[in-house]
Amino acid sequence: MRRVLPLLLIAVGAAWTTLAACAGSARWWGAAGPLLALTALGVRDLVQRPDALLRAYPLTGRLPFVSRRRDDGRPGAAGEFLVSSLAPAEPAEEPPVVRVGGPDCRLPYDMALLNVSAMSFGALSPRAVLALNRGAALGRFAQDTGEGGLTEHHLRGGGDLVWEIGTGYFGCRTGEGRFDAREFADKAALPEVRCVSLKLSQGAAPGGGALLPGVKVSASVARERKVPVGEPVVSPPGHREFSTPRELVLFLAWLRELAGGKPTGVKLCVGSRREFLAVCRAMVAEGVAPDFVVVDGSEGGSGAAPPYAGEVGLPLTEGLITVHNALVGVGLRDRVRIGASGGVATGADVVRRLAQGADYTNAARAMMRAVGCVGTGRCHTNTCPVGVATQDPRRMRALDVDDKARRVHAYQRETVRDAVRIMASMGVRGPAGLTPAHLVRRTGPGTVRSCAELYEWLEPGALLSGPPESWAADWKAADPDGFS
């Protein structure tokens, strides 16, 4: 009611001054005219659908201090550019996809170059989740459910899903908070679930469990997560079903079997190169590998908790190159796909991450913008003014699902098209033609160096045959039976 109160007061004033003017006091028309115009504008704001902020806050949503659009927090790429070619290629007619699924996967999935990154129901409103899913269905790309569970809102839109399993095992959780294999298998069998992702850590809170403030734990959120209404949900910092790299890779293999052979992988924000090498050692020792690894950068944010400083964990560039090199070094890169998540928003961002070793990318903040987020930074308060990051039924009414689904689809489509055009201007027709040499960084006045020169790139199997000196200490210390 308070959000439309200014419009109501103006409408009452317009009616009163109009009556006064019609009663014979012509001087009242000077006040009635502007008030009538403001009333008409406010009604237009209230009934239109594309702008959720104006729909929720007619008239006042136009004020600068309300309608400000903050920047998306994406790390700047100043001084870094992609190398164009004097022999450009013809852009590919169809958007490229990447086949996800190694030799142990029976149901591989063709992943788009850009997908919806992990954002849970609870962090986001049911309308926002549904709009993202319908957009994914329109564009034939995937939506990561986030760790908050596989919910009815993810399943209603018909889009492809990557079901993320976090340390709280929401959606496949026993009463004691342990992993429920039977419930997982039943849900993983759903046709909408195309991949399963085990979340080890995330850029928004690397090394710690996720947080959902109690004010956002509505009855429906509590039901989906099997937690008390109104109480904060703090996910455990680590998984209880495994404690060593070897146990992790065996747990992944079990998940893949329970899921009927669907692609199964992990998501992590890299902290220690040695720890990821320990996981690679376990893969080699057990002859088991995930189908994909999603690398999240410390730039990552959250739609649930207060803004995070992003000072723990590697930024996406360093984390991505570390994971790529490690998998190449143990001879597994050809069977493990890599996704990149963190600050991806434009076609150039997509191409940049592909040149650094990724096979595909995921976007969160940019997808939130597509469903109407205006960046007020109030995600953790449950007072999102546009219905994106709230469980307040009155506030979420501002979000028109069909309109925002079309916007999500359009954003993804045009971003991928831009990426394809950029690759063509670089003389390559697809991701397979990109190399680190295609990405150049200014290192000083008049000096530029490519990523191929700035970073060390391992040869296939190099860690197994004799690691280079720069990797030798970490490789020797990496223990498949211990993370520390």
Protein backbone atom coordinates (compact mmCIF):
# COMPACT_ATOMS: atom_id res chain seq x y z
CA MET A 1 0.00 0.00 0.00
CA ARG A 2 2.78 2.44 0.88
CA ARG A 3 4.36 1.88 -2.54
CA VAL A 4 1.30 3.27 -4.36
CA LEU A 5 0.39 5.86 -1.70
CA PRO A 6 2.02 8.78 -3.57
CA LEU A 7 -0.03 7.92 -6.67
CA LEU A 8 -3.22 7.70 -4.62
CA LEU A 9 -2.56 11.10 -3.00
CA ILE A 10 -1.86 12.68 -6.37
CA ALA A 11 -5.02 11.09 -7.84
CA VAL A 12 -7.10 12.46 -4.94
CA GLY A 13 -5.55 15.89 -5.45
CA ALA A 14 -6.26 15.72 -9.17
CA ALA A 15 -9.90 14.81 -8.53
CA TRP A 16 -10.37 17.57 -5.93
CA THR A 17 -8.76 20.32 -8.05
CA THR A 18 -10.67 19.22 -11.15
CA LEU A 19 -13.98 19.43 -9.26
CA ALA A 20 -13.00 22.85 -7.95
CA ALA A 21 -12.14 24.04 -11.46
CA CYS A 22 -15.40 22.69 -12.89
CA ALA A 23 -17.33 24.43 -10.11
CA GLY A 24 -16.32 27.75 -11.50
CA SER A 25 -12.88 28.56 -10.11
CA ALA A 26 -10.83 28.54 -13.30
CA ARG A 27 -7.62 29.22 -11.41
CA TRP A 28 -7.70 25.62 -10.17
CA TRP A 29 -6.97 24.35 -13.67
CA GLY A 30 -3.35 25.40 -13.17
CA ALA A 31 -3.05 22.77 -10.44
CA ALA A 32 -5.48 20.23 -11.89
CA GLY A 33 -3.65 19.92 -15.22
CA PRO A 34 -0.26 18.77 -13.85
CA LEU A 35 -1.93 16.53 -11.24
CA LEU A 36 -4.05 14.84 -13.90
CA ALA A 37 -0.96 14.31 -16.07
CA LEU A 38 0.92 12.77 -13.13
CA THR A 39 -2.05 10.54 -12.33
CA ALA A 40 -2.17 9.29 -15.93
CA LEU A 41 1.57 8.63 -15.88
CA GLY A 42 1.29 6.77 -12.58
CA VAL A 43 -1.55 4.59 -13.87
CA ARG A 44 0.52 3.81 -16.94
CA ASP A 45 3.42 2.76 -14.68
CA LEU A 46 1.07 0.56 -12.68
CA VAL A 47 -0.41 -1.38 -15.61
CA GLN A 48 2.67 -1.75 -17.83
CA ARG A 49 4.63 -5.02 -17.56
CA PRO A 50 8.20 -4.64 -18.88
CA ASP A 51 9.56 -2.46 -16.02
CA ALA A 52 9.01 -4.19 -12.68
CA LEU A 53 10.35 -1.23 -10.69
CA LEU A 54 7.78 1.20 -12.12
CA ARG A 55 5.06 -1.42 -11.71
CA ALA A 56 5.91 -1.77 -8.03
CA TYR A 57 6.60 1.92 -7.44
CA PRO A 58 4.44 3.98 -9.83
CA LEU A 59 5.85 7.50 -10.23
CA THR A 60 8.38 7.22 -7.39
CA GLY A 61 10.26 4.54 -9.30
CA ARG A 62 11.25 7.27 -11.73
CA LEU A 63 13.16 9.21 -9.08
CA PRO A 64 16.97 8.94 -9.42
CA PHE A 65 17.58 7.74 -5.86
CA VAL A 66 15.06 4.89 -6.34
CA SER A 67 15.65 3.84 -9.92
CA ARG A 68 19.44 3.94 -9.94
CA ARG A 69 21.03 1.05 -11.77
CA ARG A 70 24.27 0.09 -10.12
CA ASP A 71 27.08 -1.43 -12.13
CA ASP A 72 27.13 -5.19 -12.14
CA GLY A 73 30.36 -5.47 -10.18
CA ARG A 74 32.12 -7.15 -13.08
CA PRO A 75 35.89 -6.85 -12.94
CA GLY A 76 37.07 -4.47 -15.60
CA ALA A 77 38.95 -5.77 -18.59
CA ALA A 78 40.88 -2.52 -19.07
CA GLY A 79 44.15 -3.21 -20.82
CA GLU A 80 43.03 -6.64 -22.05
CA PHE A 81 41.78 -7.29 -25.55
CA LEU A 82 41.06 -10.03 -28.07
CA VAL A 83 43.18 -10.30 -31.20
CA SER A 84 41.38 -9.61 -34.46
CA SER A 85 42.43 -11.07 -37.80
CA LEU A 86 43.01 -9.60 -41.25
CA ALA A 87 41.43 -12.81 -42.55
CA PRO A 88 38.13 -12.97 -40.64
CA ALA A 89 35.95 -16.05 -40.91
CA GLU A 90 32.26 -16.30 -41.70
CA PRO A 91 30.25 -16.45 -38.46
CA ALA A 92 28.75 -19.85 -37.72
CA GLU A 93 25.07 -20.00 -38.67
CA GLU A 94 24.06 -22.05 -35.62
CA PRO A 95 25.22 -21.22 -32.09
CA PRO A 96 27.95 -23.64 -31.00
CA VAL A 97 27.29 -26.21 -28.28
CA VAL A 98 29.66 -28.43 -26.34
CA ARG A 99 29.02 -32.11 -25.67
CA VAL A 100 29.26 -32.77 -21.91
CA GLY A 101 29.74 -36.41 -20.94
CA GLY A 102 32.84 -38.56 -20.61
CA PRO A 103 33.22 -42.28 -21.31
CA ASP A 104 31.36 -43.22 -18.10
CA CYS A 105 28.36 -41.05 -18.99
CA ARG A 106 25.44 -42.74 -20.75
CA LEU A 107 23.30 -39.63 -21.38
CA PRO A 108 25.57 -36.81 -22.60
CA TYR A 109 24.19 -33.27 -22.86
CA ASP A 110 24.87 -30.54 -25.43
CA MET A 111 25.62 -27.44 -23.35
CA ALA A 112 25.15 -23.93 -24.74
CA LEU A 113 28.03 -21.43 -24.66
CA LEU A 114 26.13 -19.33 -22.08
CA ASN A 115 23.79 -20.65 -19.40
CA VAL A 116 22.07 -19.55 -16.19
CA SER A 117 24.47 -19.84 -13.27
CA ALA A 118 23.55 -21.24 -9.86
CA MET A 119 20.84 -19.19 -8.13
CA SER A 120 18.57 -20.93 -5.63
CA PHE A 121 14.88 -20.65 -4.95
CA GLY A 122 14.98 -18.84 -1.65
CA ALA A 123 17.68 -16.46 -2.78
CA LEU A 124 15.42 -15.67 -5.75
CA SER A 125 11.64 -15.44 -5.79
CA PRO A 126 9.55 -18.22 -7.35
CA ARG A 127 8.63 -15.86 -10.20
CA ALA A 128 12.27 -15.08 -10.94
CA VAL A 129 13.19 -18.79 -10.93
CA LEU A 130 10.30 -19.57 -13.26
CA ALA A 131 11.15 -16.70 -15.62
CA LEU A 132 14.74 -17.92 -15.87
CA ASN A 133 13.56 -21.45 -16.58
CA ARG A 134 11.11 -20.39 -19.27
CA GLY A 135 13.82 -18.26 -20.85
CA ALA A 136 16.12 -21.28 -20.87
CA ALA A 137 13.41 -23.34 -22.53
CA LEU A 138 12.92 -20.70 -25.23
CA GLY A 139 16.64 -20.53 -25.97
CA ARG A 140 17.58 -24.18 -25.41
CA PHE A 141 20.18 -23.46 -22.76
CA ALA A 142 20.50 -24.71 -19.18
CA GLN A 143 19.55 -23.33 -15.77
CA ASP A 144 21.58 -24.31 -12.70
CA THR A 145 19.17 -24.75 -9.80
CA GLY A 146 21.57 -23.49 -7.15
CA GLU A 147 21.99 -25.48 -3.96
CA GLY A 148 18.53 -24.68 -2.58
CA GLY A 149 16.95 -27.77 -4.09
CA LEU A 150 15.12 -28.94 -7.19
CA THR A 151 11.75 -27.22 -6.77
CA GLU A 152 8.41 -27.03 -8.54
CA HIS A 153 9.38 -23.57 -9.79
CA HIS A 154 12.36 -25.03 -11.66
CA LEU A 155 10.20 -27.74 -13.22
CA ARG A 156 7.24 -25.67 -14.43
CA GLY A 157 8.95 -23.82 -17.25
CA GLY A 158 10.15 -26.74 -19.35
CA GLY A 159 13.82 -25.66 -19.39
CA ASP A 160 16.87 -27.91 -19.08
CA LEU A 161 18.26 -28.11 -15.55
CA VAL A 162 21.63 -28.65 -13.94
CA TRP A 163 20.66 -29.86 -10.47
CA GLU A 164 23.17 -28.54 -7.96
CA ILE A 165 23.76 -30.50 -4.75
CA GLY A 166 25.34 -28.46 -1.96
CA THR A 167 26.59 -29.28 1.50
CA GLY A 168 23.05 -29.07 2.92
CA TYR A 169 21.78 -31.67 0.40
CA PHE A 170 18.56 -29.69 -0.04
CA GLY A 171 16.12 -31.59 -2.19
CA CYS A 172 17.71 -34.93 -1.32
CA ARG A 173 18.14 -34.58 2.42
CA THR A 174 17.35 -36.89 5.33
CA GLY A 175 15.87 -35.59 8.55
CA GLU A 176 19.40 -35.55 10.00
CA GLY A 177 20.74 -33.46 7.12
CA ARG A 178 22.57 -36.31 5.37
CA PHE A 179 22.41 -37.29 1.70
CA ASP A 180 19.28 -39.26 0.78
CA ALA A 181 20.25 -41.55 -2.12
CA ARG A 182 16.71 -42.75 -2.86
CA GLU A 183 15.21 -39.25 -3.06
CA PHE A 184 18.15 -38.11 -5.18
CA ALA A 185 17.71 -40.99 -7.63
CA ASP A 186 13.97 -40.37 -7.97
CA LYS A 187 14.44 -36.67 -8.75
CA ALA A 188 17.53 -37.11 -10.91
CA ALA A 189 15.45 -39.39 -13.15
CA LEU A 190 13.19 -36.48 -14.13
CA PRO A 191 13.62 -35.61 -17.81
CA GLU A 192 14.16 -31.91 -17.01
CA VAL A 193 17.32 -32.79 -15.07
CA ARG A 194 20.08 -33.02 -17.68
CA CYS A 195 23.18 -32.80 -15.44
CA VAL A 196 24.08 -33.04 -11.74
CA SER A 197 26.58 -30.67 -10.14
CA LEU A 198 28.13 -31.25 -6.72
CA LYS A 199 28.97 -27.87 -5.17
CA LEU A 200 32.23 -27.91 -3.24
CA SER A 201 32.53 -24.14 -2.85
CA GLN A 202 31.41 -20.91 -4.51
CA GLY A 203 32.83 -17.49 -5.26
CA ALA A 204 30.32 -15.73 -3.01
CA ALA A 205 31.50 -17.64 0.06
CA PRO A 206 34.48 -19.87 -0.80
CA GLY A 207 35.42 -22.27 1.97
CA GLY A 208 32.15 -21.69 3.82
CA GLY A 209 28.55 -22.77 3.57
CA ALA A 210 25.91 -20.60 1.97
CA LEU A 211 23.58 -18.40 4.04
CA LEU A 212 19.88 -17.72 3.57
CA PRO A 213 18.62 -15.13 6.09
CA GLY A 214 15.60 -16.14 8.17
CA VAL A 215 13.51 -13.30 6.77
CA LYS A 216 13.64 -15.06 3.38
CA VAL A 217 12.74 -18.53 4.69
CA SER A 218 9.05 -18.56 3.80
CA ALA A 219 6.77 -21.57 4.26
CA SER A 220 7.41 -22.74 0.69
CA VAL A 221 11.19 -22.32 1.01
CA ALA A 222 11.12 -24.20 4.33
CA ARG A 223 9.09 -27.00 2.77
CA GLU A 224 11.49 -27.41 -0.15
CA ARG A 225 14.58 -27.38 2.07
CA LYS A 226 13.07 -29.27 5.04
CA VAL A 227 14.03 -26.52 7.49
CA PRO A 228 12.06 -24.40 10.03
CA VAL A 229 10.14 -21.37 8.76
CA GLY A 230 11.71 -18.01 9.53
CA GLU A 231 15.05 -19.31 10.78
CA PRO A 232 18.36 -18.62 9.00
CA VAL A 233 19.63 -21.48 6.87
CA VAL A 234 23.40 -21.87 7.12
CA SER A 235 24.75 -24.68 4.99
CA PRO A 236 27.60 -26.69 6.52
CA PRO A 237 31.03 -25.49 5.36
CA GLY A 238 31.87 -28.92 3.93
CA HIS A 239 30.31 -32.18 2.79
CA ARG A 240 29.58 -34.93 5.31
CA GLU A 241 29.52 -37.77 2.77
CA PHE A 242 33.23 -37.67 1.96
CA SER A 243 36.38 -36.25 3.51
CA THR A 244 39.22 -37.01 1.09
CA PRO A 245 39.84 -36.43 -2.63
CA ARG A 246 39.57 -40.17 -3.26
CA GLU A 247 36.21 -40.37 -1.47
CA LEU A 248 35.06 -37.31 -3.45
CA VAL A 249 35.70 -38.84 -6.88
CA LEU A 250 34.09 -42.12 -5.81
CA PHE A 251 31.06 -40.20 -4.51
CA LEU A 252 30.81 -38.48 -7.90
CA ALA A 253 30.85 -41.84 -9.64
CA TRP A 254 28.07 -43.05 -7.34
CA LEU A 255 26.00 -39.92 -8.05
CA ARG A 256 26.37 -40.52 -11.80
CA GLU A 257 25.17 -44.09 -11.38
CA LEU A 258 22.22 -43.01 -9.22
CA ALA A 259 21.35 -40.41 -11.86
CA GLY A 260 21.13 -43.06 -14.57
CA GLY A 261 24.37 -42.07 -16.27
CA LYS A 262 23.63 -38.35 -16.65
CA PRO A 263 26.63 -35.98 -16.76
CA THR A 264 27.89 -35.37 -13.23
CA GLY A 265 30.50 -32.88 -12.14
CA VAL A 266 31.67 -30.44 -9.52
CA LYS A 267 31.56 -26.70 -8.95
CA LEU A 268 34.30 -24.98 -6.97
CA CYS A 269 36.12 -21.75 -6.32
CA VAL A 270 39.79 -22.71 -6.43
CA GLY A 271 41.81 -21.79 -3.39
CA SER A 272 44.82 -24.10 -3.33
CA ARG A 273 46.36 -25.53 -6.48
CA ARG A 274 47.70 -28.36 -4.35
CA GLU A 275 44.18 -29.40 -3.27
CA PHE A 276 42.89 -29.56 -6.81
CA LEU A 277 45.94 -31.55 -7.83
CA ALA A 278 45.10 -33.97 -5.02
CA VAL A 279 41.67 -34.45 -6.60
CA CYS A 280 43.34 -35.04 -9.98
CA ARG A 281 45.64 -37.62 -8.40
CA ALA A 282 42.55 -39.38 -7.02
CA MET A 283 40.95 -39.36 -10.48
CA VAL A 284 44.00 -41.03 -11.97
CA ALA A 285 44.33 -43.54 -9.15
CA GLU A 286 40.68 -44.62 -9.26
CA GLY A 287 40.20 -44.34 -13.02
CA VAL A 288 37.19 -42.09 -12.36
CA ALA A 289 36.64 -38.50 -13.51
CA PRO A 290 33.76 -36.03 -13.44
CA ASP A 291 32.11 -35.13 -16.70
CA PHE A 292 32.60 -31.42 -16.02
CA VAL A 293 34.13 -28.94 -13.60
CA VAL A 294 32.52 -25.51 -13.15
CA VAL A 295 35.10 -22.98 -11.96
CA ASP A 296 33.61 -20.10 -9.98
CA GLY A 297 35.70 -16.99 -9.44
CA SER A 298 35.99 -15.07 -6.21
CA GLU A 299 34.16 -12.28 -8.08
CA GLY A 300 30.93 -14.25 -7.54
CA GLY A 301 28.03 -12.74 -5.61
CA SER A 302 24.86 -13.94 -3.93
CA GLY A 303 21.18 -13.18 -4.18
CA ALA A 304 20.69 -14.33 -0.59
CA ALA A 305 23.26 -12.84 1.75
CA PRO A 306 24.92 -9.42 2.13
CA PRO A 307 27.54 -8.51 -0.49
CA TYR A 308 30.72 -10.52 -0.02
CA ALA A 309 34.13 -8.92 -0.22
CA GLY A 310 35.47 -11.51 -2.67
CA GLU A 311 38.87 -11.66 -0.99
CA VAL A 312 38.99 -15.44 -0.46
CA GLY A 313 39.67 -17.84 -3.31
CA LEU A 314 41.22 -17.29 -6.73
CA PRO A 315 39.68 -14.87 -9.23
CA LEU A 316 38.17 -16.63 -12.22
CA THR A 317 41.15 -16.13 -14.55
CA GLU A 318 43.65 -17.78 -12.21
CA GLY A 319 41.21 -20.48 -11.08
CA LEU A 320 40.21 -21.37 -14.63
CA ILE A 321 43.78 -21.61 -15.90
CA THR A 322 44.75 -23.71 -12.86
CA VAL A 323 41.97 -26.24 -13.44
CA HIS A 324 42.60 -26.40 -17.19
CA ASN A 325 46.33 -26.99 -16.72
CA ALA A 326 45.85 -29.59 -13.99
CA LEU A 327 43.46 -31.64 -16.13
CA VAL A 328 45.76 -31.35 -19.15
CA GLY A 329 48.72 -32.34 -17.00
CA VAL A 330 47.08 -35.60 -15.87
CA GLY A 331 45.78 -36.43 -19.35
CA LEU A 332 42.07 -35.99 -18.53
CA ARG A 333 41.26 -32.70 -20.25
CA ASP A 334 39.74 -34.41 -23.29
CA ARG A 335 37.07 -36.14 -21.16
CA VAL A 336 36.30 -33.35 -18.65
CA ARG A 337 34.54 -30.20 -19.82
CA ILE A 338 35.15 -26.90 -18.00
CA GLY A 339 32.53 -24.26 -17.29
CA ALA A 340 33.46 -20.72 -16.22
CA SER A 341 31.30 -18.67 -13.86
CA GLY A 342 32.05 -15.26 -12.40
CA GLY A 343 31.61 -11.84 -13.99
CA VAL A 344 30.47 -13.19 -17.37
CA ALA A 345 28.09 -10.69 -18.97
CA THR A 346 29.03 -9.94 -22.60
CA GLY A 347 29.97 -11.81 -25.74
CA ALA A 348 33.56 -10.66 -25.26
CA ASP A 349 33.51 -12.13 -21.74
CA VAL A 350 32.43 -15.48 -23.18
CA VAL A 351 35.21 -15.48 -25.77
CA ARG A 352 37.79 -14.38 -23.20
CA ARG A 353 36.97 -17.34 -20.94
CA LEU A 354 37.00 -19.78 -23.85
CA ALA A 355 40.49 -18.55 -24.79
CA GLN A 356 41.61 -19.15 -21.20
CA GLY A 357 40.55 -22.78 -21.23
CA ALA A 358 36.78 -22.96 -20.64
CA ASP A 359 34.38 -24.90 -22.85
CA TYR A 360 31.26 -22.92 -21.84
CA THR A 361 30.20 -20.16 -19.46
CA ASN A 362 27.50 -19.40 -16.90
CA ALA A 363 26.13 -16.01 -15.88
CA ALA A 364 24.29 -15.04 -12.69
CA ARG A 365 24.34 -11.27 -12.24
CA ALA A 366 23.61 -10.59 -15.89
CA MET A 367 20.71 -13.06 -15.85
CA MET A 368 19.34 -11.32 -12.75
CA ARG A 369 19.49 -8.05 -14.68
CA ALA A 370 17.52 -9.72 -17.46
CA VAL A 371 14.69 -10.60 -15.05
CA GLY A 372 14.58 -7.03 -13.76
CA CYS A 373 17.20 -6.66 -11.00
CA VAL A 374 18.11 -2.98 -10.55
CA GLY A 375 21.05 -3.56 -8.22
CA THR A 376 19.78 -1.96 -5.02
CA GLY A 377 21.85 -4.37 -2.89
CA ARG A 378 18.86 -5.34 -0.73
CA CYS A 379 18.87 -9.07 -1.61
CA HIS A 380 19.40 -10.13 2.02
CA THR A 381 16.60 -7.93 3.42
CA ASN A 382 13.67 -9.54 1.54
CA THR A 383 12.69 -6.05 0.33
CA CYS A 384 13.77 -6.32 -3.31
CA PRO A 385 11.70 -3.59 -5.01
CA VAL A 386 11.23 -5.51 -8.27
CA GLY A 387 10.34 -8.99 -7.02
CA VAL A 388 13.57 -10.72 -8.04
CA ALA A 389 15.29 -11.51 -4.72
CA THR A 390 12.37 -11.65 -2.29
CA GLN A 391 9.82 -14.06 -0.88
CA ASP A 392 7.34 -11.25 -0.15
CA PRO A 393 4.20 -12.08 -2.21
CA ARG A 394 3.30 -8.41 -2.64
CA ARG A 395 6.73 -7.43 -3.92
CA MET A 396 7.13 -10.38 -6.27
CA ARG A 397 3.86 -9.49 -8.05
CA ALA A 398 5.79 -6.75 -9.84
CA LEU A 399 7.72 -9.35 -11.83
CA ASP A 400 5.90 -10.39 -14.99
CA VAL A 401 7.10 -13.92 -15.76
CA ASP A 402 6.33 -14.05 -19.48
CA ASP A 403 7.94 -10.69 -20.21
CA LYS A 404 11.07 -11.49 -18.21
CA ALA A 405 11.37 -14.96 -19.75
CA ARG A 406 11.49 -13.32 -23.18
CA ARG A 407 14.15 -10.93 -21.93
CA VAL A 408 16.27 -13.75 -20.53
CA HIS A 409 16.03 -15.55 -23.86
CA ALA A 410 16.88 -12.39 -25.81
CA TYR A 411 19.85 -11.59 -23.59
CA GLN A 412 21.33 -15.07 -23.93
CA ARG A 413 20.68 -15.23 -27.68
CA GLU A 414 22.25 -11.86 -28.45
CA THR A 415 25.23 -12.45 -26.14
CA VAL A 416 26.03 -15.76 -27.85
CA ARG A 417 25.58 -14.11 -31.25
CA ASP A 418 28.06 -11.43 -30.22
CA ALA A 419 30.50 -14.13 -29.11
CA VAL A 420 30.17 -15.91 -32.45
CA ARG A 421 30.72 -12.65 -34.37
CA ILE A 422 33.76 -11.82 -32.25
CA MET A 423 35.27 -15.25 -32.86
CA ALA A 424 34.68 -14.81 -36.60
CA SER A 425 36.45 -11.43 -36.52
CA MET A 426 39.38 -13.24 -34.90
CA GLY A 427 39.54 -15.66 -37.82
CA VAL A 428 38.00 -18.68 -36.07
CA ARG A 429 34.60 -20.25 -36.62
CA GLY A 430 34.15 -21.71 -33.18
CA PRO A 431 35.57 -22.25 -29.69
CA ALA A 432 37.90 -25.04 -30.87
CA GLY A 433 39.95 -22.48 -32.80
CA LEU A 434 40.65 -20.26 -29.79
CA THR A 435 43.98 -20.36 -27.95
CA PRO A 436 45.53 -18.30 -25.14
CA ALA A 437 47.43 -16.40 -27.85
CA HIS A 438 44.12 -14.80 -28.90
CA LEU A 439 43.92 -12.87 -25.61
CA VAL A 440 46.42 -10.05 -25.09
CA ARG A 441 47.08 -7.90 -22.03
CA ARG A 442 48.85 -4.56 -21.71
CA THR A 443 51.72 -5.07 -19.26
CA GLY A 444 53.29 -1.61 -19.39
CA PRO A 445 53.62 1.52 -21.53
CA GLY A 446 53.81 0.30 -25.11
CA THR A 447 54.13 -3.33 -24.02
CA VAL A 448 51.60 -6.10 -24.57
CA ARG A 449 51.85 -9.85 -24.01
CA SER A 450 49.46 -12.65 -24.82
CA CYS A 451 48.07 -15.05 -22.24
CA ALA A 452 50.10 -17.74 -23.97
CA GLU A 453 53.21 -15.85 -22.80
CA LEU A 454 51.95 -14.61 -19.42
CA TYR A 455 50.93 -18.02 -18.09
CA GLU A 456 52.50 -21.45 -18.16
CA TRP A 457 50.56 -24.00 -20.20
CA LEU A 458 51.25 -27.68 -19.57
CA GLU A 459 51.55 -30.34 -22.23
CA PRO A 460 49.16 -33.33 -22.07
CA GLY A 461 50.32 -35.81 -19.43
CA ALA A 462 53.17 -33.54 -18.24
CA LEU A 463 52.40 -34.06 -14.56
CA LEU A 464 52.47 -37.83 -14.93
CA SER A 465 55.66 -38.01 -16.98
CA GLY A 466 57.65 -35.50 -14.94
CA PRO A 467 56.17 -32.17 -13.81
CA PRO A 468 57.95 -28.92 -14.63
CA GLU A 469 59.82 -27.31 -11.76
CA SER A 470 57.08 -24.72 -11.16
CA TRP A 471 54.55 -27.52 -10.51
CA ALA A 472 56.80 -30.13 -8.93
CA ALA A 473 56.40 -29.18 -5.25
CA ASP A 474 52.61 -28.96 -5.40
CA TRP A 475 52.36 -32.19 -7.39
CA LYS A 476 54.57 -34.05 -4.95
CA ALA A 477 52.61 -32.77 -1.92
CA ALA A 478 49.18 -33.47 -3.46
CA ASP A 479 47.65 -36.35 -1.50
CA PRO A 480 44.66 -38.27 -2.90
CA ASP A 481 43.82 -39.31 0.65
CA GLY A 482 43.85 -35.87 2.25
CA PHE A 483 42.90 -32.28 1.34
CA SER A 484 45.46 -30.63 3.61
